[in-house]
Amino acid sequence: MLLERGIPYSYLFDSIRKDIVKVVILSLFLLVLQFFFESHLPKIELGLVASLGTAISLLLAFKLSQSYDRWWEARKVWGAIVNDSRSLAMELQCFLNSEHHEVIRRMAYRQIAWCYSLGNSLRKNSNVFTYTDGLLTSEDLDFLKEHQNKPLGLLQKQYQDLKFLTDQQHLSHFQQVQIDNNLVRLCDSMGKCERINNTVFPTTYSHLVTFFIYLFLVLLSFALIEIDDVYEAPILLVISTAFFLIQKTATLMQDPFRNLPTDTSVTTIARGIDINIRQLLGEKQLPQPIKPESFYIM
């Protein structure tokens, strides 16, 4: 997730560097075309070009709005995961006696591991168990070898422990339902994240917007044919830079789990859950919060 300040200009403009080069080449080509064939080129009203520019602005605004909705939905889902993870740990402590300390600790640690593994899985990291050292038992790790979806396997282990506690009558029916509802919400949050991650934003939309931007630049060049050639290329460059920056921003935000600076900060959120649950368990040795990497935090 990008931080409020300190974003370098290089990060902003490197993402559209290829488009800027294309615009420069296009501008030079249009200048050469006008120099040799000015009398044969069409005269286009500036108002017509302005209408196309307005349409492009609306298309970009729509894409940016939809991309932000996806990003914000991902952030809200992870906010719910924070709440449900804390609630699960407190419910286990409240419903079970002190003699079940090991069960409470095992399920609480497993929940921490679930948060880390879900974030790593969404980002398609090769090792979904990054940051989970010491959180899972050897039995859990052996069980997960058969699972392609590791976070789902961890939830299954939570349900197995819940069933054991219920069968042994360590939990009342009401308490079992409360914990079950919590686990259902966690599974629901996982499904929402997977839906966002696996639903591709229509690529044809981006291609069409890019085509219209270049068409706009060509038409604008013809509309500005009477102004000094020294000013034409900079005008095209400034306008196209604004369009491409907005388009690139929307493209990056539409995929909040791609291991990029614009990601939802799932690792940082999982570390916060880790610290909170360990404190609820009364532990003194706590992991350090994730530190920002210059202008963003993961």
Foldseek 3Di string as FASTA:
>chain_A
DFDPDQDDVCVLCVLCVVVLVVLLVVLVVLVVCCVVPVVPDDADAPVVLVVLVVVLVVLLVVLLVLLVVLLVVLLVLLVLLLVLLLVLLVLCPVLADPVCLVVSLLLNLLSLQLLQLLLCVLQVPPDSRPPSPPSHDPVLVVQQVPPPRSSVSSLVVVVVSLVVCVVVVSGDPVSSVVSVVSSVSVVVSSVSSVVLSPDDDDPVSLVVSVVSLVVSLSSVCSNCSPDDSVVSSVVNSVSSSVSVSSSSVSVVSSRQRNPDQNHDQSVQSSLVSQQSSCVVSVDDDHDDGFDADRRGHD
